[in-house]
């Protein structure tokens, strides 16, 4: 096990907090990073992904369609291409190569429903699990490189997201 692997929990009481986490994640991502977004239907994965993509692309009003039917959407962010995969409808990881998985991993990759990646899930990926909390909001459970997780700050306030 990697000595730098760390866990962090962040309370997300509302949509604004989920979007702030997406912007905070965008600030620490770099080429080659894979973010695995886990959670039930309606957990906020797409809300988080949209905020993250808008921040990476530098366009707060950018249209970000869900890739549920296309399986992947690719964005030409200023620093590096970003691929957003939604694997809900994928039966297995075999089709990922046809969808450009290998090329996408040279940029930044977001994956909703990462359980469908199988052996293609990178061991060093940042895992973000969104789960409901007792107050009606969500909790984001992040697992990944502790040094990177420690860098997360809310870009709106400078505080922890």
Protein backbone atom coordinates (compact mmCIF):
# COMPACT_ATOMS: atom_id res chain seq x y z
CA UNK A 1 0.00 0.00 0.00
CA UNK A 2 1.27 3.48 -0.87
CA UNK A 3 2.40 5.39 2.21
CA UNK A 4 0.97 8.58 0.71
CA UNK A 5 -2.55 7.17 0.36
CA UNK A 6 -4.95 9.23 2.40
CA UNK A 7 -8.67 9.64 3.09
CA UNK A 8 -10.60 12.84 3.54
CA UNK A 9 -14.28 13.51 4.20
CA UNK A 10 -15.92 16.75 3.13
CA UNK A 11 -19.46 17.74 4.04
CA UNK A 12 -21.57 18.86 1.07
CA UNK A 13 -24.75 20.36 2.56
CA UNK A 14 -26.01 21.67 -0.79
CA UNK A 15 -25.40 21.90 -4.54
CA UNK A 16 -23.18 24.95 -4.09
CA UNK A 17 -20.84 22.97 -1.85
CA UNK A 18 -20.71 20.15 -4.41
CA UNK A 19 -19.83 22.66 -7.12
CA UNK A 20 -17.15 24.24 -4.89
CA UNK A 21 -15.58 20.81 -4.41
CA UNK A 22 -15.52 20.36 -8.20
CA UNK A 23 -13.69 23.68 -8.61
CA UNK A 24 -11.27 22.77 -5.81
CA UNK A 25 -10.48 19.44 -7.45
CA UNK A 26 -9.87 21.15 -10.79
CA UNK A 27 -7.17 23.27 -9.16
CA UNK A 28 -5.09 20.25 -8.11
CA UNK A 29 -5.47 18.00 -11.17
CA UNK A 30 -2.72 17.57 -13.74
CA UNK A 31 -2.18 15.53 -16.93
CA UNK A 32 -2.42 11.80 -16.33
CA UNK A 33 -4.86 12.13 -13.42
CA UNK A 34 -7.95 9.95 -13.28
CA UNK A 35 -10.87 10.87 -11.01
CA UNK A 36 -13.31 8.07 -10.21
CA UNK A 37 -16.75 9.42 -9.23
CA UNK A 38 -18.78 6.92 -7.21
CA UNK A 39 -22.30 7.13 -5.83
CA UNK A 40 -25.86 6.08 -6.42
CA UNK A 41 -28.12 7.64 -9.04
CA UNK A 42 -28.78 11.23 -8.02
CA UNK A 43 -25.79 11.37 -5.66
CA UNK A 44 -24.32 14.45 -7.36
CA UNK A 45 -21.64 12.91 -9.59
CA UNK A 46 -22.69 14.89 -12.66
CA UNK A 47 -23.03 18.13 -10.66
CA UNK A 48 -19.49 17.66 -9.37
CA UNK A 49 -18.18 16.73 -12.83
CA UNK A 50 -19.82 19.78 -14.46
CA UNK A 51 -18.27 22.18 -11.96
CA UNK A 52 -14.89 20.51 -12.34
CA UNK A 53 -15.04 20.63 -16.15
CA UNK A 54 -16.16 24.27 -16.21
CA UNK A 55 -13.25 25.18 -13.91
CA UNK A 56 -10.70 23.24 -16.00
CA UNK A 57 -11.98 24.88 -19.18
CA UNK A 58 -12.17 28.35 -17.62
CA UNK A 59 -15.82 28.85 -18.61
CA UNK A 60 -18.37 28.99 -15.79
CA UNK A 61 -21.27 29.02 -18.29
CA UNK A 62 -19.98 26.21 -20.55
CA UNK A 63 -22.59 23.66 -21.65
CA UNK A 64 -21.65 20.30 -20.14
CA UNK A 65 -23.96 17.56 -21.38
CA UNK A 66 -24.07 14.28 -19.51
CA UNK A 67 -22.21 11.59 -21.45
CA UNK A 68 -24.79 8.97 -20.44
CA UNK A 69 -25.68 8.15 -24.04
CA UNK A 70 -22.44 9.02 -25.84
CA UNK A 71 -20.40 7.32 -23.07
CA UNK A 72 -17.62 9.93 -23.37
CA UNK A 73 -17.35 13.67 -23.95
CA UNK A 74 -13.96 15.24 -24.60
CA UNK A 75 -13.17 18.88 -23.75
CA UNK A 76 -10.25 20.95 -25.01
CA UNK A 77 -9.26 22.62 -21.76
CA UNK A 78 -6.48 25.22 -22.02
CA UNK A 79 -3.86 23.07 -20.28
CA UNK A 80 -4.79 19.55 -21.36
CA UNK A 81 -7.69 17.61 -22.94
CA UNK A 82 -10.24 16.33 -20.44
CA UNK A 83 -12.39 13.23 -21.06
CA UNK A 84 -15.61 12.67 -19.11
CA UNK A 85 -16.76 9.05 -19.21
CA UNK A 86 -20.16 7.86 -17.99
CA UNK A 87 -20.01 4.07 -17.94
CA UNK A 88 -23.53 3.43 -16.64
CA UNK A 89 -24.56 1.71 -19.89
CA UNK A 90 -21.26 -0.09 -20.46
CA UNK A 91 -21.33 -3.86 -19.94
CA UNK A 92 -17.60 -4.31 -19.53
CA UNK A 93 -14.23 -2.67 -19.92
CA UNK A 94 -13.51 -4.21 -23.35
CA UNK A 95 -15.25 -1.35 -25.20
CA UNK A 96 -13.19 1.34 -23.46
CA UNK A 97 -10.28 1.02 -25.87
CA UNK A 98 -12.67 1.73 -28.77
CA UNK A 99 -13.87 4.83 -26.89
CA UNK A 100 -10.33 6.23 -26.72
CA UNK A 101 -9.47 5.27 -23.13
CA UNK A 102 -5.73 4.99 -23.71
CA UNK A 103 -5.47 8.39 -25.40
CA UNK A 104 -7.75 9.99 -22.81
CA UNK A 105 -5.45 8.88 -19.98
CA UNK A 106 -2.74 11.17 -21.35
CA UNK A 107 -4.92 14.12 -20.29
CA UNK A 108 -7.31 14.29 -17.35
CA UNK A 109 -10.08 11.70 -17.07
CA UNK A 110 -13.32 11.78 -15.06
CA UNK A 111 -15.24 8.52 -14.75
CA UNK A 112 -18.78 8.11 -13.49
CA UNK A 113 -19.65 4.49 -12.60
CA UNK A 114 -15.98 3.41 -12.35
CA UNK A 115 -16.91 -0.11 -11.20
CA UNK A 116 -17.29 -0.86 -14.93
CA UNK A 117 -13.60 -0.13 -15.56
CA UNK A 118 -12.55 -3.51 -14.20
CA UNK A 119 -8.78 -3.92 -14.41
CA UNK A 120 -8.44 -0.59 -16.22
CA UNK A 121 -9.07 1.39 -13.00
CA UNK A 122 -5.72 3.02 -12.23
CA UNK A 123 -4.49 2.16 -8.73
CA UNK A 124 -3.37 5.77 -8.18
CA UNK A 125 -6.70 7.32 -9.24
CA UNK A 126 -8.44 9.81 -7.00
CA UNK A 127 -11.65 8.21 -5.73
CA UNK A 128 -14.55 10.47 -4.84
CA UNK A 129 -17.52 8.70 -3.28
CA UNK A 130 -20.68 10.75 -2.75
CA UNK A 131 -23.01 9.40 -0.08
CA UNK A 132 -26.12 10.89 1.55
CA UNK A 133 -25.81 12.21 5.09
CA UNK A 134 -28.39 12.34 7.89
CA UNK A 135 -29.03 16.09 7.37
CA UNK A 136 -30.22 15.64 3.79
CA UNK A 137 -26.97 16.68 2.13
CA UNK A 138 -24.02 14.58 1.07
CA UNK A 139 -20.59 13.63 2.23
CA UNK A 140 -17.72 13.33 -0.23
CA UNK A 141 -15.23 10.64 0.76
CA UNK A 142 -11.99 11.20 -1.11
CA UNK A 143 -9.17 8.68 -1.31
CA UNK A 144 -5.89 9.34 -3.04
CA UNK A 145 -2.47 10.90 -2.72
CA UNK A 146 -2.42 12.60 0.68
CA UNK A 147 -0.21 15.44 -0.53
CA UNK A 148 -2.70 16.28 -3.25
CA UNK A 149 -5.73 15.97 -0.96
CA UNK A 150 -4.06 18.34 1.50
CA UNK A 151 -3.88 20.97 -1.28
CA UNK A 152 -7.66 21.09 -1.69
CA UNK A 153 -9.08 24.49 -0.82
CA UNK A 154 -12.34 26.13 -1.79
CA UNK A 155 -11.41 28.56 -4.60
CA UNK A 156 -14.25 30.85 -3.49
CA UNK A 157 -13.09 31.22 0.13
CA UNK A 158 -9.60 29.76 0.42
CA UNK A 159 -10.90 27.44 3.16
CA UNK A 160 -11.24 23.69 3.00
CA UNK A 161 -14.05 22.79 0.60
